[in-house]
PDB file of N, CA and C in Angstrom:
ATOM      1  N   MET A   1     155.486 143.974 244.785  1.00  0.00           N
ATOM      2  CA  MET A   1     155.607 143.790 243.192  1.00  0.00           C
ATOM      3  C   MET A   1     155.521 142.085 242.817  1.00  0.00           C
ATOM      4  N   LYS A   2     154.614 142.069 241.891  1.00  0.00           N
ATOM      5  CA  LYS A   2     154.494 140.636 241.587  1.00  0.00           C
ATOM      6  C   LYS A   2     155.930 140.087 240.590  1.00  0.00           C
ATOM      7  N   ASN A   3     155.420 138.846 240.886  1.00  0.00           N
ATOM      8  CA  ASN A   3     157.220 137.881 240.059  1.00  0.00           C
ATOM      9  C   ASN A   3     155.964 138.223 238.677  1.00  0.00           C
ATOM     10  N   TYR A   4     157.093 138.094 237.702  1.00  0.00           N
ATOM     11  CA  TYR A   4     156.631 138.208 236.506  1.00  0.00           C
ATOM     12  C   TYR A   4     155.746 137.152 235.676  1.00  0.00           C
ATOM     13  N   TRP A   5     156.197 135.930 236.375  1.00  0.00           N
ATOM     14  CA  TRP A   5     155.135 134.616 236.079  1.00  0.00           C
ATOM     15  C   TRP A   5     153.595 135.058 236.390  1.00  0.00           C
ATOM     16  N   GLU A   6     153.509 136.139 237.557  1.00  0.00           N
ATOM     17  CA  GLU A   6     152.209 136.096 237.592  1.00  0.00           C
ATOM     18  C   GLU A   6     151.067 137.026 237.031  1.00  0.00           C
ATOM     19  N   CYS A   7     152.038 138.075 236.379  1.00  0.00           N
ATOM     20  CA  CYS A   7     151.412 138.815 235.075  1.00  0.00           C
ATOM     21  C   CYS A   7     151.006 138.044 233.499  1.00  0.00           C
ATOM     22  N   THR A   8     150.157 138.648 232.848  1.00  0.00           N
ATOM     23  CA  THR A   8     150.056 138.271 231.894  1.00  0.00           C
ATOM     24  C   THR A   8     150.899 138.281 230.974  1.00  0.00           C
ATOM     25  N   PRO A   9     151.285 137.705 230.328  1.00  0.00           N
ATOM     26  CA  PRO A   9     152.724 137.638 229.407  1.00  0.00           C
ATOM     27  C   PRO A   9     152.056 138.419 227.664  1.00  0.00           C
ATOM     28  N   ASP A  10     152.921 139.212 227.246  1.00  0.00           N
ATOM     29  CA  ASP A  10     153.215 139.856 226.271  1.00  0.00           C
ATOM     30  C   ASP A  10     152.594 139.415 224.987  1.00  0.00           C
ATOM     31  N   GLY A  11     153.313 138.298 225.205  1.00  0.00           N
ATOM     32  CA  GLY A  11     152.574 137.335 224.022  1.00  0.00           C
ATOM     33  C   GLY A  11     152.720 135.916 224.557  1.00  0.00           C
ATOM     34  N   GLU A  12     151.697 134.879 223.718  1.00  0.00           N
ATOM     35  CA  GLU A  12     151.447 134.063 224.451  1.00  0.00           C
ATOM     36  C   GLU A  12     150.770 132.860 222.877  1.00  0.00           C
ATOM     37  N   MET A  13     151.507 131.775 223.016  1.00  0.00           N
ATOM     38  CA  MET A  13     151.335 130.938 221.599  1.00  0.00           C
ATOM     39  C   MET A  13     151.745 129.462 221.929  1.00  0.00           C
ATOM     40  N   ASN A  14     150.534 128.566 221.917  1.00  0.00           N
ATOM     41  CA  ASN A  14     150.454 127.272 222.271  1.00  0.00           C
ATOM     42  C   ASN A  14     150.376 126.336 220.954  1.00  0.00           C
ATOM     43  N   THR A  15     151.790 125.471 220.329  1.00  0.00           N
ATOM     44  CA  THR A  15     151.295 125.144 219.681  1.00  0.00           C
ATOM     45  C   THR A  15     151.067 123.574 219.691  1.00  0.00           C
ATOM     46  N   GLY A  16     150.151 123.370 220.495  1.00  0.00           N
ATOM     47  CA  GLY A  16     149.943 121.518 220.993  1.00  0.00           C
ATOM     48  C   GLY A  16     151.248 120.833 221.156  1.00  0.00           C
ATOM     49  N   LYS A  17     152.458 121.200 220.983  1.00  0.00           N
ATOM     50  CA  LYS A  17     153.362 120.344 221.837  1.00  0.00           C
ATOM     51  C   LYS A  17     153.874 121.376 222.907  1.00  0.00           C
ATOM     52  N   ASN A  18     154.288 122.712 222.369  1.00  0.00           N
ATOM     53  CA  ASN A  18     154.734 123.610 223.494  1.00  0.00           C
ATOM     54  C   ASN A  18     153.926 125.302 223.797  1.00  0.00           C
ATOM     55  N   ILE A  19     154.225 125.537 224.712  1.00  0.00           N
ATOM     56  CA  ILE A  19     153.670 126.488 224.974  1.00  0.00           C
ATOM     57  C   ILE A  19     154.717 127.716 225.127  1.00  0.00           C
ATOM     58  N   LEU A  20     154.765 128.826 224.836  1.00  0.00           N
ATOM     59  CA  LEU A  20     155.581 129.895 224.181  1.00  0.00           C
ATOM     60  C   LEU A  20     154.868 130.885 225.510  1.00  0.00           C
ATOM     61  N   ARG A  21     155.279 131.816 226.619  1.00  0.00           N
ATOM     62  CA  ARG A  21     155.182 133.033 226.650  1.00  0.00           C
ATOM     63  C   ARG A  21     156.411 134.260 227.132  1.00  0.00           C
ATOM     64  N   TYR A  22     156.017 135.160 226.418  1.00  0.00           N
ATOM     65  CA  TYR A  22     157.046 136.270 226.273  1.00  0.00           C
ATOM     66  C   TYR A  22     156.639 136.932 227.204  1.00  0.00           C
ATOM     67  N   TYR A  23     157.527 137.674 228.048  1.00  0.00           N
ATOM     68  CA  TYR A  23     157.248 138.954 229.213  1.00  0.00           C
ATOM     69  C   TYR A  23     158.329 139.704 228.812  1.00  0.00           C
ATOM     70  N   LYS A  24     157.770 140.648 228.244  1.00  0.00           N
ATOM     71  CA  LYS A  24     158.762 141.615 227.594  1.00  0.00           C
ATOM     72  C   LYS A  24     159.649 142.855 228.882  1.00  0.00           C
ATOM     73  N   GLU A  25     159.054 142.996 229.680  1.00  0.00           N
ATOM     74  CA  GLU A  25     159.355 143.727 230.780  1.00  0.00           C
ATOM     75  C   GLU A  25     160.444 143.345 231.750  1.00  0.00           C
ATOM     76  N   ALA A  26     160.210 142.110 232.028  1.00  0.00           N
ATOM     77  CA  ALA A  26     161.237 140.991 232.469  1.00  0.00           C
ATOM     78  C   ALA A  26     162.148 140.369 231.573  1.00  0.00           C
ATOM     79  N   ALA A  27     161.959 140.303 230.392  1.00  0.00           N
ATOM     80  CA  ALA A  27     163.059 140.079 229.429  1.00  0.00           C
ATOM     81  C   ALA A  27     162.796 138.618 229.397  1.00  0.00           C
ATOM     82  N   LYS A  28     161.797 137.940 229.736  1.00  0.00           N
ATOM     83  CA  LYS A  28     161.735 136.492 229.954  1.00  0.00           C
ATOM     84  C   LYS A  28     161.188 135.747 228.616  1.00  0.00           C
ATOM     85  N   LEU A  29     161.622 134.712 228.652  1.00  0.00           N
ATOM     86  CA  LEU A  29     160.579 133.741 227.597  1.00  0.00           C
ATOM     87  C   LEU A  29     160.609 132.083 228.127  1.00  0.00           C
ATOM     88  N   GLN A  30     159.302 131.670 228.465  1.00  0.00           N
ATOM     89  CA  GLN A  30     159.209 130.491 228.798  1.00  0.00           C
ATOM     90  C   GLN A  30     158.599 129.868 227.862  1.00  0.00           C
ATOM     91  N   ILE A  31     159.154 128.477 227.824  1.00  0.00           N
ATOM     92  CA  ILE A  31     158.906 127.596 226.746  1.00  0.00           C
ATOM     93  C   ILE A  31     158.534 126.195 228.150  1.00  0.00           C
ATOM     94  N   GLN A  32     157.264 125.778 227.444  1.00  0.00           N
ATOM     95  CA  GLN A  32     156.838 124.530 228.771  1.00  0.00           C
ATOM     96  C   GLN A  32     156.083 123.886 227.597  1.00  0.00           C
ATOM     97  N   MET A  33     156.194 122.202 228.268  1.00  0.00           N
ATOM     98  CA  MET A  33     155.258 121.285 227.777  1.00  0.00           C
ATOM     99  C   MET A  33     154.300 121.235 227.796  1.00  0.00           C
ATOM    100  N   PRO A  34     153.399 120.735 227.017  1.00  0.00           N
ATOM    101  CA  PRO A  34     151.697 121.174 227.639  1.00  0.00           C
ATOM    102  C   PRO A  34     151.488 120.252 228.942  1.00  0.00           C
ATOM    103  N   LYS A  35     150.296 120.441 229.270  1.00  0.00           N
ATOM    104  CA  LYS A  35     149.749 120.034 230.813  1.00  0.00           C
ATOM    105  C   LYS A  35     149.360 118.397 230.228  1.00  0.00           C
ATOM    106  N   TRP A  36     149.296 117.589 231.252  1.00  0.00           N
ATOM    107  CA  TRP A  36     149.611 116.146 230.761  1.00  0.00           C
ATOM    108  C   TRP A  36     148.591 115.691 232.281  1.00  0.00           C
ATOM    109  N   THR A  37     148.022 114.150 232.068  1.00  0.00           N
ATOM    110  CA  THR A  37     147.113 113.653 232.846  1.00  0.00           C
ATOM    111  C   THR A  37     148.018 112.750 233.508  1.00  0.00           C
ATOM    112  N   ASP A  38     147.620 112.264 234.958  1.00  0.00           N
ATOM    113  CA  ASP A  38     148.678 111.068 235.231  1.00  0.00           C
ATOM    114  C   ASP A  38     147.420 110.275 235.665  1.00  0.00           C
ATOM    115  N   ALA A  39     148.177 109.186 236.043  1.00  0.00           N
ATOM    116  CA  ALA A  39     147.325 107.931 236.013  1.00  0.00           C
ATOM    117  C   ALA A  39     146.301 107.927 236.654  1.00  0.00           C
ATOM    118  N   ASP A  40     146.290 109.104 238.032  1.00  0.00           N
ATOM    119  CA  ASP A  40     145.036 109.024 238.867  1.00  0.00           C
ATOM    120  C   ASP A  40     143.814 110.361 238.228  1.00  0.00           C
ATOM    121  N   GLY A  41     144.444 110.783 237.051  1.00  0.00           N
ATOM    122  CA  GLY A  41     143.436 111.624 236.510  1.00  0.00           C
ATOM    123  C   GLY A  41     143.798 113.042 236.844  1.00  0.00           C
ATOM    124  N   ASN A  42     144.673 113.476 237.390  1.00  0.00           N
ATOM    125  CA  ASN A  42     145.365 114.541 238.331  1.00  0.00           C
ATOM    126  C   ASN A  42     145.919 115.197 236.782  1.00  0.00           C
ATOM    127  N   GLU A  43     145.222 116.653 236.829  1.00  0.00           N
ATOM    128  CA  GLU A  43     146.005 117.679 235.863  1.00  0.00           C
ATOM    129  C   GLU A  43     147.276 117.740 236.004  1.00  0.00           C
ATOM    130  N   LYS A  44     148.670 117.926 235.112  1.00  0.00           N
ATOM    131  CA  LYS A  44     149.422 118.147 236.110  1.00  0.00           C
ATOM    132  C   LYS A  44     150.177 119.188 234.724  1.00  0.00           C
ATOM    133  N   ASN A  45     150.690 120.465 235.096  1.00  0.00           N
ATOM    134  CA  ASN A  45     151.517 121.178 234.391  1.00  0.00           C
ATOM    135  C   ASN A  45     152.721 120.818 233.632  1.00  0.00           C
ATOM    136  N   GLY A  46     153.109 120.756 232.259  1.00  0.00           N
ATOM    137  CA  GLY A  46     154.092 120.231 231.777  1.00  0.00           C
ATOM    138  C   GLY A  46     155.638 120.965 232.180  1.00  0.00           C
ATOM    139  N   LYS A  47     156.957 120.356 231.968  1.00  0.00           N
ATOM    140  CA  LYS A  47     157.598 120.956 232.194  1.00  0.00           C
ATOM    141  C   LYS A  47     158.031 122.470 231.700  1.00  0.00           C
ATOM    142  N   CYS A  48     159.259 123.117 232.659  1.00  0.00           N
ATOM    143  CA  CYS A  48     158.927 124.370 231.826  1.00  0.00           C
ATOM    144  C   CYS A  48     160.331 125.279 232.280  1.00  0.00           C
ATOM    145  N   VAL A  49     161.082 125.404 231.101  1.00  0.00           N
ATOM    146  CA  VAL A  49     162.284 126.549 231.198  1.00  0.00           C
ATOM    147  C   VAL A  49     162.238 128.067 230.932  1.00  0.00           C
ATOM    148  N   THR A  50     162.930 128.732 231.225  1.00  0.00           N
ATOM    149  CA  THR A  50     162.609 129.749 231.106  1.00  0.00           C
ATOM    150  C   THR A  50     163.946 130.625 230.525  1.00  0.00           C
ATOM    151  N   VAL A  51     163.724 131.787 229.746  1.00  0.00           N
ATOM    152  CA  VAL A  51     165.347 131.830 229.363  1.00  0.00           C
ATOM    153  C   VAL A  51     165.581 133.379 229.192  1.00  0.00           C
ATOM    154  N   ASN A  52     166.313 133.963 230.214  1.00  0.00           N
ATOM    155  CA  ASN A  52     166.762 135.170 229.936  1.00  0.00           C
ATOM    156  C   ASN A  52     167.390 135.596 228.721  1.00  0.00           C
ATOM    157  N   LEU A  53     166.510 136.677 228.601  1.00  0.00           N
ATOM    158  CA  LEU A  53     166.822 137.322 227.087  1.00  0.00           C
ATOM    159  C   LEU A  53     167.778 138.518 227.212  1.00  0.00           C
ATOM    160  N   ASP A  54     167.733 139.425 228.768  1.00  0.00           N
ATOM    161  CA  ASP A  54     169.085 139.906 228.630  1.00  0.00           C
ATOM    162  C   ASP A  54     170.049 139.145 228.736  1.00  0.00           C
ATOM    163  N   ALA A  55     170.328 138.120 229.526  1.00  0.00           N
ATOM    164  CA  ALA A  55     171.888 137.153 229.449  1.00  0.00           C
ATOM    165  C   ALA A  55     172.263 137.081 227.989  1.00  0.00           C
ATOM    166  N   LEU A  56     171.142 136.802 227.045  1.00  0.00           N
ATOM    167  CA  LEU A  56     171.310 136.495 225.740  1.00  0.00           C
ATOM    168  C   LEU A  56     171.877 137.698 224.866  1.00  0.00           C
ATOM    169  N   ARG A  57     171.369 138.776 225.541  1.00  0.00           N
ATOM    170  CA  ARG A  57     171.661 139.992 224.713  1.00  0.00           C
ATOM    171  C   ARG A  57     173.312 140.425 224.972  1.00  0.00           C
ATOM    172  N   GLU A  58     173.351 140.138 226.366  1.00  0.00           N
ATOM    173  CA  GLU A  58     175.116 140.214 226.695  1.00  0.00           C
ATOM    174  C   GLU A  58     175.973 139.130 226.435  1.00  0.00           C
ATOM    175  N   THR A  59     175.801 138.464 225.703  1.00  0.00           N
ATOM    176  CA  THR A  59     176.336 137.064 225.568  1.00  0.00           C
ATOM    177  C   THR A  59     176.924 136.880 224.086  1.00  0.00           C
ATOM    178  N   ALA A  60     178.586 137.241 224.128  1.00  0.00           N
ATOM    179  CA  ALA A  60     178.541 137.594 222.429  1.00  0.00           C
ATOM    180  C   ALA A  60     178.503 136.094 221.959  1.00  0.00           C
ATOM    181  N   GLY A  61     177.683 136.132 220.904  1.00  0.00           N
ATOM    182  CA  GLY A  61     177.383 135.004 219.690  1.00  0.00           C
ATOM    183  C   GLY A  61     176.413 134.317 220.003  1.00  0.00           C
ATOM    184  N   ALA A  62     175.697 134.979 221.261  1.00  0.00           N
ATOM    185  CA  ALA A  62     174.259 134.058 221.418  1.00  0.00           C
ATOM    186  C   ALA A  62     172.790 134.198 220.776  1.00  0.00           C
ATOM    187  N   VAL A  63     172.572 135.497 220.657  1.00  0.00           N
ATOM    188  CA  VAL A  63     171.501 136.263 219.466  1.00  0.00           C
ATOM    189  C   VAL A  63     172.057 135.870 218.219  1.00  0.00           C
ATOM    190  N   GLU A  64     172.900 135.615 217.551  1.00  0.00           N
ATOM    191  CA  GLU A  64     173.316 134.909 216.395  1.00  0.00           C
ATOM    192  C   GLU A  64     173.046 133.421 215.983  1.00  0.00           C
ATOM    193  N   PHE A  65     173.184 132.792 217.232  1.00  0.00           N
ATOM    194  CA  PHE A  65     173.532 131.608 217.536  1.00  0.00           C
ATOM    195  C   PHE A  65     171.750 131.414 217.598  1.00  0.00           C
ATOM    196  N   LEU A  66     171.268 132.009 218.153  1.00  0.00           N
ATOM    197  CA  LEU A  66     169.492 131.682 217.705  1.00  0.00           C
ATOM    198  C   LEU A  66     168.618 132.193 216.495  1.00  0.00           C
ATOM    199  N   GLN A  67     169.084 132.860 216.388  1.00  0.00           N
ATOM    200  CA  GLN A  67     168.865 133.579 214.793  1.00  0.00           C
ATOM    201  C   GLN A  67     169.270 132.265 213.897  1.00  0.00           C
ATOM    202  N   LYS A  68     170.278 131.802 213.834  1.00  0.00           N
ATOM    203  CA  LYS A  68     170.592 130.406 213.121  1.00  0.00           C
ATOM    204  C   LYS A  68     169.434 129.414 212.922  1.00  0.00           C
ATOM    205  N   ILE A  69     169.668 129.204 214.235  1.00  0.00           N
ATOM    206  CA  ILE A  69     168.639 127.924 214.736  1.00  0.00           C
ATOM    207  C   ILE A  69     166.985 128.018 213.875  1.00  0.00           C
ATOM    208  N   PHE A  70     166.708 129.296 214.391  1.00  0.00           N
ATOM    209  CA  PHE A  70     165.197 129.954 213.716  1.00  0.00           C
ATOM    210  C   PHE A  70     165.544 129.805 212.107  1.00  0.00           C
ATOM    211  N   SER A  71     166.626 130.473 211.589  1.00  0.00           N
ATOM    212  CA  SER A  71     166.805 130.332 210.281  1.00  0.00           C
ATOM    213  C   SER A  71     166.530 128.905 209.409  1.00  0.00           C
ATOM    214  N   ASP A  72     167.458 127.953 210.184  1.00  0.00           N
ATOM    215  CA  ASP A  72     166.962 126.697 210.167  1.00  0.00           C
ATOM    216  C   ASP A  72     165.933 126.171 210.025  1.00  0.00           C
ATOM    217  N   ILE A  73     165.101 126.383 210.853  1.00  0.00           N
ATOM    218  CA  ILE A  73     163.547 125.717 210.945  1.00  0.00           C
ATOM    219  C   ILE A  73     162.759 126.445 210.526  1.00  0.00           C
ATOM    220  N   ALA A  74     162.672 127.300 209.709  1.00  0.00           N
ATOM    221  CA  ALA A  74     162.153 128.737 208.862  1.00  0.00           C
ATOM    222  C   ALA A  74     161.627 127.816 207.621  1.00  0.00           C
TER     223      ALA A  74
END
């Protein structure tokens, strides 16, 4: 079995400042900074964090907290 990040995401969006990848089956959301080039000209991946969506679903108030954040920025 492959690691979820080795699979094609179910949804992906590049905002120019963030790259979002959604893996529905694994219940993961990755948020990554864009690639960048170091002083030697090498392309580097931006820092990435993965949100465990199952953990959010199982934690009282977590989904509502995210809904408020998204409502504030909409």
